[in-house]
Amino acid sequence: MKIQLFAGPIALGVIESKVIDDSMGVVGGVLQPSTAYLTEFQSFFRRHIQQPNWRALAGLELIGVLPTNEILECVGGICLTDIEECAEINVEFCGLNQRVISLI
């Protein structure tokens, strides 16, 4: 299932998601980044790996949105890993309820 990732109103890209850990309610996959992600956000996430800035990360207001336009309630947060040496950008949506997990 495709999940759109947003920072507030800005589309960061799409994740073709799969269940990563059913018991913990984690789904995720590789981000297909938008131009906005590459030009405005990638440097932030890469810096965040090296020197975390949790306040700035919270200020991005990351959300995942299902194809039905339902916003995911990620009790455990959204993890985005973008390391310069890796070609893939991984995203995990954590702490989802079983109803959502069953849709994936």
N, C-alpha and C. Protein backbone atom coordinates (compact mmCIF):
# COMPACT_ATOMS: atom_id res chain seq x y z
N MET A 1 0.84 -1.18 0.00
CA MET A 1 0.00 0.00 0.00
C MET A 1 0.89 1.24 0.00
N LYS A 2 0.52 2.20 -0.79
CA LYS A 2 1.28 3.44 -0.86
C LYS A 2 0.85 4.39 0.26
N ILE A 3 1.83 4.91 0.96
CA ILE A 3 1.58 5.90 2.00
C ILE A 3 2.32 7.17 1.60
N GLN A 4 1.61 8.28 1.61
CA GLN A 4 2.22 9.57 1.32
C GLN A 4 2.80 10.14 2.61
N LEU A 5 3.97 10.73 2.51
CA LEU A 5 4.62 11.37 3.66
C LEU A 5 4.58 12.88 3.46
N PHE A 6 4.15 13.58 4.51
CA PHE A 6 4.07 15.03 4.47
C PHE A 6 4.81 15.64 5.65
N ALA A 7 5.34 16.82 5.43
CA ALA A 7 5.84 17.69 6.50
C ALA A 7 4.89 18.87 6.50
N GLY A 8 3.91 18.84 7.41
CA GLY A 8 2.85 19.84 7.35
C GLY A 8 2.13 19.67 6.02
N PRO A 9 1.98 20.74 5.23
CA PRO A 9 1.29 20.63 3.94
C PRO A 9 2.19 20.22 2.77
N ILE A 10 3.48 20.03 3.02
CA ILE A 10 4.44 19.77 1.93
C ILE A 10 4.63 18.27 1.73
N ALA A 11 4.37 17.80 0.51
CA ALA A 11 4.54 16.39 0.18
C ALA A 11 6.02 16.06 0.06
N LEU A 12 6.46 15.07 0.87
CA LEU A 12 7.86 14.65 0.84
C LEU A 12 8.09 13.45 -0.05
N GLY A 13 7.03 12.74 -0.39
CA GLY A 13 7.17 11.58 -1.26
C GLY A 13 6.21 10.48 -0.89
N VAL A 14 6.42 9.32 -1.50
CA VAL A 14 5.54 8.17 -1.35
C VAL A 14 6.36 6.95 -0.96
N ILE A 15 5.80 6.14 -0.07
CA ILE A 15 6.42 4.91 0.38
C ILE A 15 5.52 3.75 -0.03
N GLU A 16 6.07 2.78 -0.77
CA GLU A 16 5.35 1.53 -1.04
C GLU A 16 5.60 0.68 0.20
N SER A 17 4.64 0.68 1.12
CA SER A 17 4.88 0.13 2.45
C SER A 17 4.57 -1.35 2.55
N LYS A 18 5.22 -1.96 3.53
CA LYS A 18 4.99 -3.35 3.88
C LYS A 18 5.08 -3.44 5.40
N VAL A 19 4.53 -4.50 5.96
CA VAL A 19 4.60 -4.71 7.40
C VAL A 19 6.03 -5.11 7.75
N ILE A 20 6.63 -4.36 8.68
CA ILE A 20 7.98 -4.64 9.14
C ILE A 20 7.95 -5.43 10.44
N ASP A 21 7.07 -5.02 11.36
CA ASP A 21 6.93 -5.72 12.65
C ASP A 21 5.47 -5.64 13.07
N ASP A 22 4.76 -6.73 12.84
CA ASP A 22 3.33 -6.77 13.13
C ASP A 22 3.04 -6.52 14.60
N SER A 23 3.80 -7.15 15.49
CA SER A 23 3.54 -7.04 16.93
C SER A 23 3.75 -5.63 17.46
N MET A 24 4.63 -4.87 16.85
CA MET A 24 4.90 -3.50 17.29
C MET A 24 4.16 -2.46 16.43
N GLY A 25 3.41 -2.92 15.45
CA GLY A 25 2.64 -2.00 14.60
C GLY A 25 3.51 -1.13 13.72
N VAL A 26 4.53 -1.73 13.12
CA VAL A 26 5.47 -0.95 12.29
C VAL A 26 5.32 -1.35 10.82
N VAL A 27 5.09 -0.35 9.98
CA VAL A 27 5.09 -0.54 8.54
C VAL A 27 6.07 0.47 7.95
N GLY A 28 6.55 0.19 6.78
CA GLY A 28 7.46 1.13 6.15
C GLY A 28 8.02 0.61 4.85
N GLY A 29 8.98 1.34 4.34
CA GLY A 29 9.60 1.00 3.08
C GLY A 29 10.50 2.11 2.62
N VAL A 30 10.79 2.09 1.33
CA VAL A 30 11.71 3.06 0.73
C VAL A 30 10.91 4.26 0.23
N LEU A 31 11.39 5.44 0.58
CA LEU A 31 10.76 6.69 0.14
C LEU A 31 11.11 6.97 -1.31
N GLN A 32 10.09 7.26 -2.10
CA GLN A 32 10.28 7.80 -3.44
C GLN A 32 10.14 9.31 -3.24
N PRO A 33 11.28 10.02 -3.09
CA PRO A 33 11.22 11.41 -2.65
C PRO A 33 10.67 12.37 -3.70
N SER A 34 9.98 13.38 -3.19
CA SER A 34 9.50 14.46 -4.05
C SER A 34 10.64 15.45 -4.29
N THR A 35 10.46 16.33 -5.21
CA THR A 35 11.43 17.39 -5.45
C THR A 35 11.59 18.25 -4.20
N ALA A 36 10.49 18.50 -3.51
CA ALA A 36 10.55 19.30 -2.28
C ALA A 36 11.43 18.63 -1.24
N TYR A 37 11.32 17.30 -1.11
CA TYR A 37 12.18 16.60 -0.15
C TYR A 37 13.64 16.79 -0.53
N LEU A 38 13.96 16.54 -1.78
CA LEU A 38 15.36 16.61 -2.22
C LEU A 38 15.96 18.00 -2.09
N THR A 39 15.17 19.02 -2.36
CA THR A 39 15.70 20.39 -2.34
C THR A 39 15.59 21.09 -0.99
N GLU A 40 14.55 20.76 -0.20
CA GLU A 40 14.31 21.51 1.03
C GLU A 40 14.51 20.72 2.32
N PHE A 41 14.46 19.38 2.27
CA PHE A 41 14.45 18.60 3.50
C PHE A 41 15.58 17.59 3.64
N GLN A 42 16.15 17.14 2.53
CA GLN A 42 17.15 16.09 2.60
C GLN A 42 18.34 16.48 3.47
N SER A 43 18.83 17.69 3.33
CA SER A 43 19.98 18.11 4.13
C SER A 43 19.64 18.11 5.62
N PHE A 44 18.41 18.48 5.98
CA PHE A 44 18.00 18.45 7.40
C PHE A 44 18.08 17.03 7.93
N PHE A 45 17.48 16.06 7.22
CA PHE A 45 17.45 14.68 7.71
C PHE A 45 18.85 14.08 7.77
N ARG A 46 19.69 14.42 6.84
CA ARG A 46 21.06 13.91 6.89
C ARG A 46 21.83 14.51 8.06
N ARG A 47 21.61 15.79 8.35
CA ARG A 47 22.25 16.41 9.52
C ARG A 47 21.70 15.81 10.81
N HIS A 48 20.41 15.52 10.81
CA HIS A 48 19.76 14.98 12.00
C HIS A 48 20.36 13.63 12.40
N ILE A 49 20.78 12.84 11.44
CA ILE A 49 21.43 11.56 11.73
C ILE A 49 22.73 11.81 12.50
N GLN A 50 23.47 12.83 12.10
CA GLN A 50 24.75 13.14 12.73
C GLN A 50 24.60 13.88 14.05
N GLN A 51 23.70 14.85 14.07
CA GLN A 51 23.48 15.70 15.26
C GLN A 51 21.97 15.89 15.43
N PRO A 52 21.32 15.03 16.21
CA PRO A 52 19.86 15.10 16.35
C PRO A 52 19.38 16.47 16.86
N ASN A 53 18.28 16.92 16.25
CA ASN A 53 17.61 18.14 16.66
C ASN A 53 16.13 17.80 16.79
N TRP A 54 15.76 17.25 17.93
CA TRP A 54 14.41 16.73 18.13
C TRP A 54 13.36 17.82 18.06
N ARG A 55 13.67 19.00 18.54
CA ARG A 55 12.69 20.10 18.50
C ARG A 55 12.39 20.49 17.04
N ALA A 56 13.43 20.59 16.23
CA ALA A 56 13.23 20.93 14.82
C ALA A 56 12.49 19.80 14.10
N LEU A 57 12.80 18.56 14.45
CA LEU A 57 12.12 17.43 13.83
C LEU A 57 10.63 17.46 14.17
N ALA A 58 10.29 17.70 15.42
CA ALA A 58 8.88 17.80 15.82
C ALA A 58 8.18 18.94 15.09
N GLY A 59 8.91 20.01 14.85
CA GLY A 59 8.35 21.16 14.15
C GLY A 59 7.99 20.89 12.70
N LEU A 60 8.54 19.83 12.13
CA LEU A 60 8.19 19.48 10.74
C LEU A 60 6.78 18.93 10.62
N GLU A 61 6.23 18.44 11.74
CA GLU A 61 4.87 17.89 11.75
C GLU A 61 4.71 16.80 10.69
N LEU A 62 5.56 15.78 10.75
CA LEU A 62 5.48 14.68 9.80
C LEU A 62 4.18 13.90 9.98
N ILE A 63 3.56 13.54 8.87
CA ILE A 63 2.36 12.69 8.89
C ILE A 63 2.41 11.74 7.71
N GLY A 64 1.80 10.59 7.90
CA GLY A 64 1.59 9.63 6.83
C GLY A 64 0.13 9.61 6.48
N VAL A 65 -0.16 9.52 5.18
CA VAL A 65 -1.55 9.54 4.71
C VAL A 65 -1.79 8.35 3.78
N LEU A 66 -2.83 7.59 4.10
CA LEU A 66 -3.23 6.44 3.28
C LEU A 66 -3.91 6.90 2.00
N PRO A 67 -4.04 6.02 1.00
CA PRO A 67 -4.74 6.38 -0.23
C PRO A 67 -6.18 6.84 -0.01
N THR A 68 -6.78 6.44 1.12
CA THR A 68 -8.15 6.85 1.45
C THR A 68 -8.19 8.25 2.08
N ASN A 69 -7.02 8.91 2.17
CA ASN A 69 -6.85 10.22 2.80
C ASN A 69 -6.91 10.16 4.32
N GLU A 70 -6.88 8.95 4.89
CA GLU A 70 -6.83 8.79 6.34
C GLU A 70 -5.41 9.07 6.83
N ILE A 71 -5.31 9.91 7.84
CA ILE A 71 -4.00 10.21 8.44
C ILE A 71 -3.66 9.10 9.43
N LEU A 72 -2.45 8.58 9.31
CA LEU A 72 -2.01 7.51 10.21
C LEU A 72 -1.74 8.05 11.61
N GLU A 73 -2.22 7.33 12.59
CA GLU A 73 -1.91 7.67 13.97
C GLU A 73 -0.70 6.83 14.38
N CYS A 74 0.46 7.44 14.32
CA CYS A 74 1.73 6.76 14.59
C CYS A 74 2.12 7.02 16.05
N VAL A 75 1.63 6.18 16.95
CA VAL A 75 1.87 6.36 18.37
C VAL A 75 3.36 6.35 18.69
N GLY A 76 4.12 5.57 17.93
CA GLY A 76 5.57 5.48 18.14
C GLY A 76 6.37 6.43 17.26
N GLY A 77 5.70 7.25 16.49
CA GLY A 77 6.39 8.23 15.66
C GLY A 77 6.69 7.73 14.25
N ILE A 78 7.32 8.61 13.50
CA ILE A 78 7.74 8.31 12.13
C ILE A 78 9.26 8.43 12.10
N CYS A 79 9.91 7.39 11.62
CA CYS A 79 11.38 7.37 11.54
C CYS A 79 11.79 7.46 10.08
N LEU A 80 12.64 8.41 9.76
CA LEU A 80 13.15 8.56 8.41
C LEU A 80 14.67 8.49 8.49
N THR A 81 15.26 7.58 7.72
CA THR A 81 16.71 7.41 7.71
C THR A 81 17.23 7.70 6.31
N ASP A 82 17.99 8.78 6.21
CA ASP A 82 18.59 9.20 4.94
C ASP A 82 20.08 9.40 5.19
N ILE A 83 20.86 8.43 4.78
CA ILE A 83 22.31 8.47 4.96
C ILE A 83 22.95 8.70 3.59
N GLU A 84 23.83 9.67 3.52
CA GLU A 84 24.42 10.06 2.25
C GLU A 84 25.04 8.89 1.49
N GLU A 85 25.64 7.95 2.19
CA GLU A 85 26.32 6.83 1.55
C GLU A 85 25.37 5.78 1.00
N CYS A 86 24.08 5.87 1.33
CA CYS A 86 23.09 4.88 0.88
C CYS A 86 22.17 5.49 -0.16
N ALA A 87 21.81 4.69 -1.13
CA ALA A 87 20.93 5.18 -2.20
C ALA A 87 19.47 5.25 -1.76
N GLU A 88 19.08 4.45 -0.76
CA GLU A 88 17.69 4.39 -0.34
C GLU A 88 17.43 5.25 0.89
N ILE A 89 16.24 5.82 0.93
CA ILE A 89 15.76 6.58 2.08
C ILE A 89 14.65 5.74 2.70
N ASN A 90 14.86 5.27 3.92
CA ASN A 90 13.89 4.39 4.57
C ASN A 90 12.99 5.16 5.52
N VAL A 91 11.73 4.78 5.52
CA VAL A 91 10.73 5.41 6.40
C VAL A 91 9.96 4.31 7.11
N GLU A 92 9.79 4.47 8.43
CA GLU A 92 8.97 3.56 9.22
C GLU A 92 7.90 4.36 9.96
N PHE A 93 6.69 3.83 9.93
CA PHE A 93 5.57 4.39 10.68
C PHE A 93 5.35 3.44 11.85
N CYS A 94 5.52 3.93 13.06
CA CYS A 94 5.60 3.06 14.24
C CYS A 94 4.39 3.22 15.16
N GLY A 95 3.97 2.10 15.74
CA GLY A 95 2.88 2.11 16.71
C GLY A 95 1.51 2.24 16.09
N LEU A 96 1.31 1.63 14.93
CA LEU A 96 0.00 1.66 14.29
C LEU A 96 -0.91 0.60 14.88
N ASN A 97 -2.21 0.84 14.82
CA ASN A 97 -3.15 -0.15 15.35
C ASN A 97 -3.33 -1.29 14.35
N GLN A 98 -3.86 -2.40 14.83
CA GLN A 98 -3.98 -3.60 14.01
C GLN A 98 -4.93 -3.42 12.82
N ARG A 99 -5.88 -2.52 12.93
CA ARG A 99 -6.78 -2.27 11.79
C ARG A 99 -5.98 -1.74 10.60
N VAL A 100 -5.08 -0.82 10.87
CA VAL A 100 -4.24 -0.26 9.80
C VAL A 100 -3.27 -1.31 9.29
N ILE A 101 -2.66 -2.04 10.21
CA ILE A 101 -1.71 -3.10 9.83
C ILE A 101 -2.38 -4.09 8.89
N SER A 102 -3.64 -4.43 9.15
CA SER A 102 -4.34 -5.41 8.32
C SER A 102 -4.61 -4.89 6.91
N LEU A 103 -4.58 -3.58 6.71
CA LEU A 103 -4.79 -2.99 5.38
C LEU A 103 -3.55 -3.09 4.50
N ILE A 104 -2.41 -3.22 5.12
CA ILE A 104 -1.14 -3.15 4.38
C ILE A 104 -0.84 -4.44 3.67
